[in-house]
C-alpha cells in the first residue's frame, strides 16, 4: 500500500510538472502583431504631449460631484430616527437579517 501511494504521488507531481513544461513565454510574445505605420515618431510624440496637457492628474470617473444641500440638519436627523424606529433602515451589526 505504501509503494502504491508513493507511486501515485510521484505520478501526480510529474503530471503537474508537465503542465509547466508546456507553457509559453511569460511576455506573451506569441500575441505580438506586426503592422506598418505611416506616421513618424515626431508626429506620435507631438500628439502624446498634447494629450497630457489636456488631461488632468485625476481620472474623470473618480471626481466627486459637488452638491450643496438645502436640507436642515435637524430635519434630516428626525427623518433618520423615524426610519430607524419604523424599521425602514437597519441598525447595528445585524445588517439585513
Protein backbone atom coordinates (compact mmCIF):
# COMPACT_ATOMS: atom_id res chain seq x y z
CA UNK A 1 0.00 0.00 0.00
CA UNK A 2 2.85 2.37 0.83
CA UNK A 3 4.51 1.76 -2.54
CA UNK A 4 1.23 2.38 -4.35
CA UNK A 5 0.67 5.69 -2.55
CA UNK A 6 4.24 6.78 -3.24
CA UNK A 7 3.91 5.85 -6.91
CA UNK A 8 0.62 7.76 -7.25
CA UNK A 9 2.05 10.84 -5.56
CA UNK A 10 5.09 10.78 -7.88
CA UNK A 11 2.79 10.41 -10.87
CA UNK A 12 0.74 13.40 -9.71
CA UNK A 13 3.87 15.54 -9.28
CA UNK A 14 5.08 14.53 -12.74
CA UNK A 15 1.68 15.42 -14.25
CA UNK A 16 1.69 18.87 -12.64
CA UNK A 17 5.28 19.45 -13.74
CA UNK A 18 4.39 18.61 -17.33
CA UNK A 19 1.81 21.40 -17.39
CA UNK A 20 4.55 23.93 -16.67
CA UNK A 21 6.71 22.50 -19.42
CA UNK A 22 4.02 23.29 -21.98
CA UNK A 23 3.80 26.96 -21.01
CA UNK A 24 4.81 29.66 -23.45
CA UNK A 25 6.87 32.78 -22.94
CA UNK A 26 5.90 34.97 -20.00
CA UNK A 27 5.79 38.12 -22.13
CA UNK A 28 3.03 36.78 -24.40
CA UNK A 29 5.19 37.22 -27.49
CA UNK A 30 3.01 34.82 -29.45
CA UNK A 31 0.29 37.50 -29.48
CA UNK A 32 2.52 40.26 -30.88
CA UNK A 33 1.23 41.69 -34.12
CA UNK A 34 3.24 43.17 -36.90
CA UNK A 35 1.94 46.31 -38.55
CA UNK A 36 3.15 49.11 -40.75
CA UNK A 37 2.52 52.71 -39.84
CA UNK A 38 2.56 55.84 -41.93
CA UNK A 39 3.12 58.23 -39.02
CA UNK A 40 6.53 59.41 -37.97
CA UNK A 41 7.90 59.24 -34.47
CA UNK A 42 7.75 63.05 -34.19
CA UNK A 43 4.03 63.08 -35.03
CA UNK A 44 3.28 60.48 -32.38
CA UNK A 45 5.36 62.30 -29.76
CA UNK A 46 3.65 65.62 -30.57
CA UNK A 47 0.22 64.02 -30.16
CA UNK A 48 1.25 62.37 -26.89
CA UNK A 49 2.44 65.69 -25.47
CA UNK A 50 -0.87 67.40 -26.27
CA UNK A 51 -2.86 64.63 -24.63
CA UNK A 52 -1.01 65.03 -21.35
CA UNK A 53 -1.65 68.78 -21.42
CA UNK A 54 -5.37 68.40 -21.96
CA UNK A 55 -5.94 65.72 -19.32
CA UNK A 56 -5.72 66.11 -15.57
CA UNK A 57 -3.98 64.03 -12.94
CA UNK A 58 -7.30 62.81 -11.53
CA UNK A 59 -9.22 60.25 -13.64
CA UNK A 60 -12.62 61.51 -14.75
CA UNK A 61 -14.52 58.66 -13.11
CA UNK A 62 -13.10 59.38 -9.68
CA UNK A 63 -14.10 63.02 -9.47
CA UNK A 64 -16.65 63.72 -6.77
CA UNK A 65 -19.65 65.81 -7.66
CA UNK A 66 -20.15 68.95 -5.62
CA UNK A 67 -23.56 69.06 -4.03
CA UNK A 68 -24.88 71.78 -1.78
CA UNK A 69 -27.75 70.64 0.38
CA UNK A 70 -30.68 72.85 1.30
CA UNK A 71 -32.00 70.46 3.97
CA UNK A 72 -31.94 71.35 7.64
CA UNK A 73 -29.72 69.18 9.85
CA UNK A 74 -32.41 68.66 12.48
CA UNK A 75 -34.95 67.64 9.82
CA UNK A 76 -32.55 65.03 8.39
CA UNK A 77 -31.82 63.67 11.88
CA UNK A 78 -35.56 63.44 12.60
CA UNK A 79 -36.13 61.53 9.34
CA UNK A 80 -33.29 59.11 10.22
CA UNK A 81 -34.70 58.49 13.70
CA UNK A 82 -38.16 57.90 12.25
CA UNK A 83 -36.82 55.48 9.60
CA UNK A 84 -34.87 53.59 12.27
CA UNK A 85 -37.91 53.40 14.56
CA UNK A 86 -40.22 52.14 11.79
CA UNK A 87 -37.67 49.55 10.58
CA UNK A 88 -37.00 51.09 7.17
CA UNK A 89 -33.24 51.05 7.85
CA UNK A 90 -31.21 48.58 9.87
CA UNK A 91 -29.19 49.34 12.95
CA UNK A 92 -26.03 47.81 14.39
CA UNK A 93 -24.15 44.82 13.06
CA UNK A 94 -27.18 42.72 12.22
CA UNK A 95 -27.35 44.08 8.68
CA UNK A 96 -30.28 42.83 6.62
CA UNK A 97 -31.26 39.93 8.88
